[in-house]
PDB file of N, CA and C in Angstrom:
ATOM      1  N   MET A   1      98.577 100.463  94.715  1.00  0.00           N
ATOM      2  CA  MET A   1      99.030  99.772  93.717  1.00  0.00           C
ATOM      3  C   MET A   1      98.756 101.427  93.020  1.00  0.00           C
ATOM      4  N   ALA A   2      99.527 101.156  91.659  1.00  0.00           N
ATOM      5  CA  ALA A   2      99.760 102.777  91.288  1.00  0.00           C
ATOM      6  C   ALA A   2      99.026 102.601  89.489  1.00  0.00           C
ATOM      7  N   ALA A   3      98.495 103.949  89.563  1.00  0.00           N
ATOM      8  CA  ALA A   3      98.096 104.120  87.713  1.00  0.00           C
ATOM      9  C   ALA A   3      99.049 103.028  87.111  1.00  0.00           C
ATOM     10  N   GLU A   4      98.777 102.884  85.907  1.00  0.00           N
ATOM     11  CA  GLU A   4      98.987 101.936  84.739  1.00  0.00           C
ATOM     12  C   GLU A   4     100.688 102.784  84.353  1.00  0.00           C
ATOM     13  N   GLY A   5     101.603 101.951  84.865  1.00  0.00           N
ATOM     14  CA  GLY A   5     102.876 102.982  84.244  1.00  0.00           C
ATOM     15  C   GLY A   5     103.702 103.215  85.379  1.00  0.00           C
ATOM     16  N   GLY A   6     103.120 103.640  86.319  1.00  0.00           N
ATOM     17  CA  GLY A   6     103.829 104.548  87.401  1.00  0.00           C
ATOM     18  C   GLY A   6     104.560 103.947  88.756  1.00  0.00           C
ATOM     19  N   PHE A   7     105.033 104.567  89.650  1.00  0.00           N
ATOM     20  CA  PHE A   7     105.360 104.339  90.781  1.00  0.00           C
ATOM     21  C   PHE A   7     104.746 103.331  91.329  1.00  0.00           C
ATOM     22  N   ASP A   8     104.928 102.089  92.043  1.00  0.00           N
ATOM     23  CA  ASP A   8     103.894 101.404  92.620  1.00  0.00           C
ATOM     24  C   ASP A   8     104.837 101.251  94.132  1.00  0.00           C
ATOM     25  N   GLU A   9     103.784 101.973  94.498  1.00  0.00           N
ATOM     26  CA  GLU A   9     104.164 101.533  96.803  1.00  0.00           C
ATOM     27  C   GLU A   9     104.242 100.007  96.779  1.00  0.00           C
ATOM     28  N   THR A  10     103.328  99.215  96.554  1.00  0.00           N
ATOM     29  CA  THR A  10     103.306  97.993  96.642  1.00  0.00           C
ATOM     30  C   THR A  10     104.651  97.036  96.178  1.00  0.00           C
ATOM     31  N   ILE A  11     104.715  97.499  94.407  1.00  0.00           N
ATOM     32  CA  ILE A  11     105.550  96.402  94.170  1.00  0.00           C
ATOM     33  C   ILE A  11     107.495  97.044  95.111  1.00  0.00           C
ATOM     34  N   HIS A  12     106.834  98.278  95.260  1.00  0.00           N
ATOM     35  CA  HIS A  12     108.541  98.954  95.618  1.00  0.00           C
ATOM     36  C   HIS A  12     109.179  98.456  97.193  1.00  0.00           C
ATOM     37  N   ALA A  13     108.265  97.777  98.132  1.00  0.00           N
ATOM     38  CA  ALA A  13     108.688  97.149  99.790  1.00  0.00           C
ATOM     39  C   ALA A  13     109.914  96.642  99.054  1.00  0.00           C
ATOM     40  N   PRO A  14     110.832  96.435  99.373  1.00  0.00           N
ATOM     41  CA  PRO A  14     112.385  95.656  99.315  1.00  0.00           C
ATOM     42  C   PRO A  14     112.118  94.110  98.687  1.00  0.00           C
ATOM     43  N   THR A  15     111.695  93.466  99.704  1.00  0.00           N
ATOM     44  CA  THR A  15     111.082  92.039  99.554  1.00  0.00           C
ATOM     45  C   THR A  15     110.227  91.597  97.973  1.00  0.00           C
ATOM     46  N   ARG A  16     109.272  92.460  97.828  1.00  0.00           N
ATOM     47  CA  ARG A  16     108.191  92.289  96.858  1.00  0.00           C
ATOM     48  C   ARG A  16     108.949  92.930  95.543  1.00  0.00           C
ATOM     49  N   LEU A  17     109.674  93.573  95.636  1.00  0.00           N
ATOM     50  CA  LEU A  17     110.510  94.194  94.379  1.00  0.00           C
ATOM     51  C   LEU A  17     111.416  92.872  93.854  1.00  0.00           C
ATOM     52  N   ARG A  18     112.641  92.545  94.685  1.00  0.00           N
ATOM     53  CA  ARG A  18     113.161  91.580  94.658  1.00  0.00           C
ATOM     54  C   ARG A  18     112.381  90.319  94.037  1.00  0.00           C
ATOM     55  N   LEU A  19     111.473  89.947  94.598  1.00  0.00           N
ATOM     56  CA  LEU A  19     110.687  88.928  93.962  1.00  0.00           C
ATOM     57  C   LEU A  19     109.863  88.905  92.620  1.00  0.00           C
ATOM     58  N   CYS A  20     109.446  90.559  92.616  1.00  0.00           N
ATOM     59  CA  CYS A  20     108.973  90.724  91.163  1.00  0.00           C
ATOM     60  C   CYS A  20     110.272  90.554  90.365  1.00  0.00           C
ATOM     61  N   GLY A  21     111.355  90.757  90.462  1.00  0.00           N
ATOM     62  CA  GLY A  21     112.503  90.863  89.592  1.00  0.00           C
ATOM     63  C   GLY A  21     113.260  89.049  89.295  1.00  0.00           C
ATOM     64  N   ILE A  22     112.928  88.700  90.090  1.00  0.00           N
ATOM     65  CA  ILE A  22     113.011  87.050  90.031  1.00  0.00           C
ATOM     66  C   ILE A  22     112.530  86.425  88.837  1.00  0.00           C
ATOM     67  N   LEU A  23     111.028  86.753  89.238  1.00  0.00           N
ATOM     68  CA  LEU A  23     109.849  86.298  88.745  1.00  0.00           C
ATOM     69  C   LEU A  23     109.928  86.837  87.493  1.00  0.00           C
ATOM     70  N   ARG A  24     110.306  88.151  86.943  1.00  0.00           N
ATOM     71  CA  ARG A  24     109.848  89.163  85.224  1.00  0.00           C
ATOM     72  C   ARG A  24     110.800  88.398  84.640  1.00  0.00           C
ATOM     73  N   HIS A  25     111.872  87.397  84.751  1.00  0.00           N
ATOM     74  CA  HIS A  25     112.682  86.580  83.628  1.00  0.00           C
ATOM     75  C   HIS A  25     112.548  84.715  83.796  1.00  0.00           C
ATOM     76  N   VAL A  26     111.459  84.340  84.226  1.00  0.00           N
ATOM     77  CA  VAL A  26     110.845  83.036  84.177  1.00  0.00           C
ATOM     78  C   VAL A  26     109.137  82.659  83.934  1.00  0.00           C
ATOM     79  N   ASP A  27     109.184  81.973  83.692  1.00  0.00           N
ATOM     80  CA  ASP A  27     107.570  81.677  83.347  1.00  0.00           C
ATOM     81  C   ASP A  27     106.870  81.450  84.746  1.00  0.00           C
ATOM     82  N   SER A  28     107.781  80.419  85.645  1.00  0.00           N
ATOM     83  CA  SER A  28     106.859  80.335  87.503  1.00  0.00           C
ATOM     84  C   SER A  28     108.436  79.892  87.603  1.00  0.00           C
ATOM     85  N   ALA A  29     108.403  79.850  89.151  1.00  0.00           N
ATOM     86  CA  ALA A  29     109.411  78.974  90.027  1.00  0.00           C
ATOM     87  C   ALA A  29     108.990  79.082  90.948  1.00  0.00           C
ATOM     88  N   GLU A  30     109.720  77.875  91.583  1.00  0.00           N
ATOM     89  CA  GLU A  30     109.077  77.050  92.934  1.00  0.00           C
ATOM     90  C   GLU A  30     109.109  78.179  93.971  1.00  0.00           C
ATOM     91  N   PHE A  31     108.321  77.517  95.192  1.00  0.00           N
ATOM     92  CA  PHE A  31     107.995  78.421  96.334  1.00  0.00           C
ATOM     93  C   PHE A  31     109.461  78.193  97.281  1.00  0.00           C
ATOM     94  N   ALA A  32     110.198  77.288  97.496  1.00  0.00           N
ATOM     95  CA  ALA A  32     111.036  77.085  97.588  1.00  0.00           C
ATOM     96  C   ALA A  32     112.390  77.201  97.119  1.00  0.00           C
ATOM     97  N   MET A  33     112.423  77.618  95.756  1.00  0.00           N
ATOM     98  CA  MET A  33     113.385  78.373  95.696  1.00  0.00           C
ATOM     99  C   MET A  33     113.758  79.771  95.799  1.00  0.00           C
ATOM    100  N   LEU A  34     112.186  80.042  95.551  1.00  0.00           N
ATOM    101  CA  LEU A  34     112.245  81.537  96.071  1.00  0.00           C
ATOM    102  C   LEU A  34     112.207  82.196  97.839  1.00  0.00           C
ATOM    103  N   ARG A  35     111.877  81.242  98.074  1.00  0.00           N
ATOM    104  CA  ARG A  35     111.924  81.206 100.088  1.00  0.00           C
ATOM    105  C   ARG A  35     113.664  81.178 100.094  1.00  0.00           C
ATOM    106  N   ASP A  36     114.367  80.480  99.574  1.00  0.00           N
ATOM    107  CA  ASP A  36     115.608  80.037  99.363  1.00  0.00           C
ATOM    108  C   ASP A  36     116.563  81.554  98.599  1.00  0.00           C
ATOM    109  N   ALA A  37     116.573  81.937  97.525  1.00  0.00           N
ATOM    110  CA  ALA A  37     116.838  83.186  97.195  1.00  0.00           C
ATOM    111  C   ALA A  37     116.554  84.285  97.696  1.00  0.00           C
ATOM    112  N   LEU A  38     115.415  84.644  98.192  1.00  0.00           N
ATOM    113  CA  LEU A  38     115.295  85.813  98.753  1.00  0.00           C
ATOM    114  C   LEU A  38     115.229  85.706 100.106  1.00  0.00           C
ATOM    115  N   ASP A  39     115.800  84.062 100.782  1.00  0.00           N
ATOM    116  CA  ASP A  39     116.002  84.508 102.307  1.00  0.00           C
ATOM    117  C   ASP A  39     115.401  85.179 103.291  1.00  0.00           C
ATOM    118  N   LEU A  40     113.921  84.217 103.178  1.00  0.00           N
ATOM    119  CA  LEU A  40     112.791  84.239 103.899  1.00  0.00           C
ATOM    120  C   LEU A  40     112.453  83.025 105.050  1.00  0.00           C
ATOM    121  N   SER A  41     111.557  82.889 105.939  1.00  0.00           N
ATOM    122  CA  SER A  41     110.806  82.195 106.222  1.00  0.00           C
ATOM    123  C   SER A  41     109.592  81.861 104.909  1.00  0.00           C
ATOM    124  N   GLU A  42     108.992  80.613 105.072  1.00  0.00           N
ATOM    125  CA  GLU A  42     107.821  80.090 104.360  1.00  0.00           C
ATOM    126  C   GLU A  42     107.026  80.786 104.608  1.00  0.00           C
ATOM    127  N   ALA A  43     106.849  81.460 106.345  1.00  0.00           N
ATOM    128  CA  ALA A  43     105.483  82.399 106.803  1.00  0.00           C
ATOM    129  C   ALA A  43     105.591  83.405 106.183  1.00  0.00           C
ATOM    130  N   ASN A  44     106.874  84.310 105.725  1.00  0.00           N
ATOM    131  CA  ASN A  44     107.365  85.260 105.366  1.00  0.00           C
ATOM    132  C   ASN A  44     106.790  85.597 104.000  1.00  0.00           C
ATOM    133  N   LEU A  45     107.067  84.717 103.033  1.00  0.00           N
ATOM    134  CA  LEU A  45     106.954  84.604 101.763  1.00  0.00           C
ATOM    135  C   LEU A  45     105.741  84.390 101.590  1.00  0.00           C
ATOM    136  N   SER A  46     104.959  83.597 102.314  1.00  0.00           N
ATOM    137  CA  SER A  46     103.555  83.276 101.615  1.00  0.00           C
ATOM    138  C   SER A  46     102.931  84.565 102.333  1.00  0.00           C
ATOM    139  N   LYS A  47     103.234  85.418 103.042  1.00  0.00           N
ATOM    140  CA  LYS A  47     102.157  86.435 103.247  1.00  0.00           C
ATOM    141  C   LYS A  47     102.670  87.639 102.140  1.00  0.00           C
ATOM    142  N   THR A  48     104.122  87.547 101.714  1.00  0.00           N
ATOM    143  CA  THR A  48     104.299  88.489 100.515  1.00  0.00           C
ATOM    144  C   THR A  48     103.368  87.937  99.186  1.00  0.00           C
ATOM    145  N   LEU A  49     103.280  86.702  99.348  1.00  0.00           N
ATOM    146  CA  LEU A  49     102.761  86.310  98.163  1.00  0.00           C
ATOM    147  C   LEU A  49     101.263  86.968  97.926  1.00  0.00           C
ATOM    148  N   ARG A  50     100.903  86.465  99.020  1.00  0.00           N
ATOM    149  CA  ARG A  50      98.908  86.624  99.333  1.00  0.00           C
ATOM    150  C   ARG A  50      98.788  88.289  99.009  1.00  0.00           C
ATOM    151  N   ALA A  51     100.189  89.129  99.356  1.00  0.00           N
ATOM    152  CA  ALA A  51     100.060  90.511  99.081  1.00  0.00           C
ATOM    153  C   ALA A  51      99.525  90.359  97.521  1.00  0.00           C
ATOM    154  N   LEU A  52     100.569  89.918  96.804  1.00  0.00           N
ATOM    155  CA  LEU A  52     101.095  90.559  95.562  1.00  0.00           C
ATOM    156  C   LEU A  52      99.788  89.263  95.060  1.00  0.00           C
ATOM    157  N   ALA A  53      99.291  88.616  95.566  1.00  0.00           N
ATOM    158  CA  ALA A  53      97.819  88.110  94.918  1.00  0.00           C
ATOM    159  C   ALA A  53      97.018  88.549  94.640  1.00  0.00           C
ATOM    160  N   ASP A  54      96.758  89.042  96.319  1.00  0.00           N
ATOM    161  CA  ASP A  54      95.487  89.699  96.374  1.00  0.00           C
ATOM    162  C   ASP A  54      94.879  91.304  95.196  1.00  0.00           C
ATOM    163  N   LEU A  55      96.544  91.877  94.914  1.00  0.00           N
ATOM    164  CA  LEU A  55      96.183  92.678  93.563  1.00  0.00           C
ATOM    165  C   LEU A  55      96.510  92.459  92.179  1.00  0.00           C
ATOM    166  N   GLY A  56      96.549  90.656  92.210  1.00  0.00           N
ATOM    167  CA  GLY A  56      96.366  90.220  90.786  1.00  0.00           C
ATOM    168  C   GLY A  56      97.560  90.506  90.196  1.00  0.00           C
ATOM    169  N   TYR A  57      98.968  90.095  91.175  1.00  0.00           N
ATOM    170  CA  TYR A  57     100.018  90.012  90.797  1.00  0.00           C
ATOM    171  C   TYR A  57     100.444  89.212  90.412  1.00  0.00           C
ATOM    172  N   VAL A  58     100.182  88.574  91.213  1.00  0.00           N
ATOM    173  CA  VAL A  58     100.957  86.758  91.454  1.00  0.00           C
ATOM    174  C   VAL A  58     100.226  85.868  91.220  1.00  0.00           C
ATOM    175  N   ARG A  59     100.092  84.997  90.519  1.00  0.00           N
ATOM    176  CA  ARG A  59      99.331  83.595  90.184  1.00  0.00           C
ATOM    177  C   ARG A  59     100.306  82.271  91.295  1.00  0.00           C
ATOM    178  N   VAL A  60      99.333  81.781  92.402  1.00  0.00           N
ATOM    179  CA  VAL A  60     100.120  80.565  93.179  1.00  0.00           C
ATOM    180  C   VAL A  60      99.515  79.604  92.783  1.00  0.00           C
ATOM    181  N   THR A  61     100.131  78.397  92.329  1.00  0.00           N
ATOM    182  CA  THR A  61      99.451  76.827  91.758  1.00  0.00           C
ATOM    183  C   THR A  61      99.902  76.038  92.656  1.00  0.00           C
ATOM    184  N   LYS A  62      99.299  75.353  93.400  1.00  0.00           N
ATOM    185  CA  LYS A  62      99.724  73.796  93.617  1.00  0.00           C
ATOM    186  C   LYS A  62      99.674  72.733  92.738  1.00  0.00           C
ATOM    187  N   ALA A  63     100.527  71.798  92.904  1.00  0.00           N
ATOM    188  CA  ALA A  63     100.627  70.459  91.837  1.00  0.00           C
ATOM    189  C   ALA A  63     100.647  69.569  92.493  1.00  0.00           C
ATOM    190  N   ALA A  64     100.128  68.196  92.174  1.00  0.00           N
ATOM    191  CA  ALA A  64     101.282  67.563  92.506  1.00  0.00           C
ATOM    192  C   ALA A  64     102.508  67.118  91.936  1.00  0.00           C
ATOM    193  N   SER A  65     103.374  66.485  92.565  1.00  0.00           N
ATOM    194  CA  SER A  65     104.598  66.501  92.312  1.00  0.00           C
ATOM    195  C   SER A  65     105.055  64.972  91.562  1.00  0.00           C
ATOM    196  N   SER A  66     105.614  65.327  90.474  1.00  0.00           N
ATOM    197  CA  SER A  66     105.820  63.698  89.964  1.00  0.00           C
ATOM    198  C   SER A  66     107.591  63.111  90.368  1.00  0.00           C
ATOM    199  N   SER A  67     108.485  64.572  91.011  1.00  0.00           N
ATOM    200  CA  SER A  67     109.813  63.768  91.752  1.00  0.00           C
ATOM    201  C   SER A  67     108.903  63.675  93.344  1.00  0.00           C
ATOM    202  N   ARG A  68     107.989  63.715  93.699  1.00  0.00           N
ATOM    203  CA  ARG A  68     107.982  63.518  95.426  1.00  0.00           C
ATOM    204  C   ARG A  68     106.971  62.335  95.802  1.00  0.00           C
ATOM    205  N   THR A  69     107.324  61.141  96.450  1.00  0.00           N
ATOM    206  CA  THR A  69     106.289  59.632  96.921  1.00  0.00           C
ATOM    207  C   THR A  69     105.565  59.855  97.723  1.00  0.00           C
ATOM    208  N   ASP A  70     105.558  61.124  98.415  1.00  0.00           N
ATOM    209  CA  ASP A  70     104.600  61.391  99.095  1.00  0.00           C
ATOM    210  C   ASP A  70     103.402  62.114  99.003  1.00  0.00           C
ATOM    211  N   LYS A  71     102.084  62.803  99.271  1.00  0.00           N
ATOM    212  CA  LYS A  71     101.574  63.283  98.827  1.00  0.00           C
ATOM    213  C   LYS A  71     101.334  64.632  99.120  1.00  0.00           C
ATOM    214  N   ARG A  72     102.421  65.174  99.451  1.00  0.00           N
ATOM    215  CA  ARG A  72     102.723  67.527  99.213  1.00  0.00           C
ATOM    216  C   ARG A  72     102.872  67.072  97.832  1.00  0.00           C
ATOM    217  N   ARG A  73     102.452  68.858  97.611  1.00  0.00           N
ATOM    218  CA  ARG A  73     102.279  69.053  96.488  1.00  0.00           C
ATOM    219  C   ARG A  73     103.536  70.355  96.262  1.00  0.00           C
ATOM    220  N   THR A  74     103.332  70.788  95.331  1.00  0.00           N
ATOM    221  CA  THR A  74     104.975  71.770  94.908  1.00  0.00           C
ATOM    222  C   THR A  74     103.890  72.896  94.690  1.00  0.00           C
ATOM    223  N   THR A  75     104.428  74.000  95.248  1.00  0.00           N
ATOM    224  CA  THR A  75     103.752  75.043  94.827  1.00  0.00           C
ATOM    225  C   THR A  75     104.662  76.454  94.144  1.00  0.00           C
ATOM    226  N   THR A  76     103.764  76.569  92.686  1.00  0.00           N
ATOM    227  CA  THR A  76     104.543  77.461  92.012  1.00  0.00           C
ATOM    228  C   THR A  76     104.040  78.839  91.689  1.00  0.00           C
ATOM    229  N   VAL A  77     104.653  79.693  91.712  1.00  0.00           N
ATOM    230  CA  VAL A  77     104.193  80.944  91.460  1.00  0.00           C
ATOM    231  C   VAL A  77     105.233  81.456  90.115  1.00  0.00           C
ATOM    232  N   SER A  78     103.951  82.420  89.635  1.00  0.00           N
ATOM    233  CA  SER A  78     104.638  83.586  88.324  1.00  0.00           C
ATOM    234  C   SER A  78     103.544  84.456  88.523  1.00  0.00           C
ATOM    235  N   LEU A  79     104.517  85.633  87.873  1.00  0.00           N
ATOM    236  CA  LEU A  79     104.051  87.073  87.560  1.00  0.00           C
ATOM    237  C   LEU A  79     102.573  86.731  86.586  1.00  0.00           C
ATOM    238  N   THR A  80     101.529  87.256  86.967  1.00  0.00           N
ATOM    239  CA  THR A  80     100.529  87.284  86.050  1.00  0.00           C
ATOM    240  C   THR A  80     101.099  88.730  84.739  1.00  0.00           C
ATOM    241  N   PRO A  81      99.518  88.761  84.009  1.00  0.00           N
ATOM    242  CA  PRO A  81     100.065  89.742  82.923  1.00  0.00           C
ATOM    243  C   PRO A  81      99.914  90.980  83.943  1.00  0.00           C
ATOM    244  N   ALA A  82      98.919  91.470  84.546  1.00  0.00           N
ATOM    245  CA  ALA A  82      98.882  92.619  85.009  1.00  0.00           C
ATOM    246  C   ALA A  82     100.351  92.902  86.066  1.00  0.00           C
ATOM    247  N   GLY A  83     100.563  92.034  86.528  1.00  0.00           N
ATOM    248  CA  GLY A  83     101.889  92.315  87.344  1.00  0.00           C
ATOM    249  C   GLY A  83     103.092  92.212  86.512  1.00  0.00           C
ATOM    250  N   ARG A  84     103.252  91.811  85.406  1.00  0.00           N
ATOM    251  CA  ARG A  84     104.182  92.221  84.295  1.00  0.00           C
ATOM    252  C   ARG A  84     103.973  93.668  83.940  1.00  0.00           C
ATOM    253  N   ARG A  85     102.985  94.073  83.638  1.00  0.00           N
ATOM    254  CA  ARG A  85     102.828  95.569  83.441  1.00  0.00           C
ATOM    255  C   ARG A  85     103.221  96.704  84.929  1.00  0.00           C
ATOM    256  N   ALA A  86     102.524  95.817  85.936  1.00  0.00           N
ATOM    257  CA  ALA A  86     103.152  96.718  87.012  1.00  0.00           C
ATOM    258  C   ALA A  86     103.905  97.135  87.643  1.00  0.00           C
ATOM    259  N   PHE A  87     105.246  95.614  87.662  1.00  0.00           N
ATOM    260  CA  PHE A  87     106.913  95.457  87.852  1.00  0.00           C
ATOM    261  C   PHE A  87     107.226  96.582  86.526  1.00  0.00           C
ATOM    262  N   ASP A  88     106.870  96.231  85.140  1.00  0.00           N
ATOM    263  CA  ASP A  88     107.721  97.279  84.083  1.00  0.00           C
ATOM    264  C   ASP A  88     107.909  98.717  84.220  1.00  0.00           C
ATOM    265  N   GLY A  89     106.102  98.870  85.078  1.00  0.00           N
ATOM    266  CA  GLY A  89     106.044 100.505  84.957  1.00  0.00           C
ATOM    267  C   GLY A  89     106.408 100.817  85.975  1.00  0.00           C
ATOM    268  N   HIS A  90     106.813 100.005  86.647  1.00  0.00           N
ATOM    269  CA  HIS A  90     107.227 100.536  88.286  1.00  0.00           C
ATOM    270  C   HIS A  90     108.949 101.211  87.470  1.00  0.00           C
ATOM    271  N   LEU A  91     109.423  99.756  86.994  1.00  0.00           N
ATOM    272  CA  LEU A  91     111.194 100.275  86.894  1.00  0.00           C
ATOM    273  C   LEU A  91     110.640 101.416  85.514  1.00  0.00           C
ATOM    274  N   ARG A  92     109.844 101.804  85.304  1.00  0.00           N
ATOM    275  CA  ARG A  92     110.268 102.968  84.123  1.00  0.00           C
ATOM    276  C   ARG A  92     110.079 104.138  85.086  1.00  0.00           C
ATOM    277  N   ALA A  93     109.075 104.089  86.353  1.00  0.00           N
ATOM    278  CA  ALA A  93     108.986 105.239  86.817  1.00  0.00           C
ATOM    279  C   ALA A  93     110.560 105.532  88.047  1.00  0.00           C
ATOM    280  N   LEU A  94     111.251 104.436  88.063  1.00  0.00           N
ATOM    281  CA  LEU A  94     112.131 104.805  88.928  1.00  0.00           C
ATOM    282  C   LEU A  94     113.033 105.088  88.366  1.00  0.00           C
ATOM    283  N   GLN A  95     113.379 104.748  86.649  1.00  0.00           N
ATOM    284  CA  GLN A  95     114.152 104.978  85.629  1.00  0.00           C
ATOM    285  C   GLN A  95     114.078 107.057  85.348  1.00  0.00           C
ATOM    286  N   ARG A  96     112.869 107.258  85.416  1.00  0.00           N
ATOM    287  CA  ARG A  96     112.324 108.654  85.184  1.00  0.00           C
ATOM    288  C   ARG A  96     112.852 109.505  86.337  1.00  0.00           C
ATOM    289  N   LEU A  97     112.627 108.658  88.098  1.00  0.00           N
ATOM    290  CA  LEU A  97     113.064 109.511  89.016  1.00  0.00           C
ATOM    291  C   LEU A  97     114.589 109.613  88.997  1.00  0.00           C
ATOM    292  N   ALA A  98     115.377 108.430  88.644  1.00  0.00           N
ATOM    293  CA  ALA A  98     116.813 108.467  88.527  1.00  0.00           C
ATOM    294  C   ALA A  98     117.287 109.707  87.266  1.00  0.00           C
ATOM    295  N   GLU A  99     116.556 109.821  86.961  1.00  0.00           N
ATOM    296  CA  GLU A  99     116.784 110.703  85.533  1.00  0.00           C
ATOM    297  C   GLU A  99     116.645 112.631  86.014  1.00  0.00           C
ATOM    298  N   GLY A 100     115.959 112.661  87.031  1.00  0.00           N
ATOM    299  CA  GLY A 100     115.741 113.977  87.920  1.00  0.00           C
ATOM    300  C   GLY A 100     114.225 114.227  86.917  1.00  0.00           C
ATOM    301  N   ILE A 101     113.432 113.101  86.541  1.00  0.00           N
ATOM    302  CA  ILE A 101     112.222 113.642  85.988  1.00  0.00           C
ATOM    303  C   ILE A 101     111.118 113.274  87.455  1.00  0.00           C
ATOM    304  N   VAL A 102     110.204 114.140  87.978  1.00  0.00           N
ATOM    305  CA  VAL A 102     109.237 113.473  88.500  1.00  0.00           C
ATOM    306  C   VAL A 102     107.952 114.311  88.051  1.00  0.00           C
ATOM    307  N   ASP A 103     107.137 113.000  87.962  1.00  0.00           N
ATOM    308  CA  ASP A 103     105.668 113.145  87.730  1.00  0.00           C
ATOM    309  C   ASP A 103     104.739 113.571  88.502  1.00  0.00           C
TER     310      ASP A 103
END
């Protein structure tokens, strides 16, 4: 985890960066959509989400689905305010690096 607004090693991992990039532009996304968009197994996506949830960067919620006839629940994922700040700060740090500014 980085200091507020800095390079964040946790987010920088390719799958986590892509995941945060998707979530940054939506209120929430369904687990299945994220799995397909990132081309990950359910186990790999779950592990990635757990790591980000442990830092307080994402929130994972499960709820009954009105579109299903069985008892399975829909899992949705969203960036928390802390996750949004960390992602935005990481992007700013990458921009500074691209401009040749090293903190």
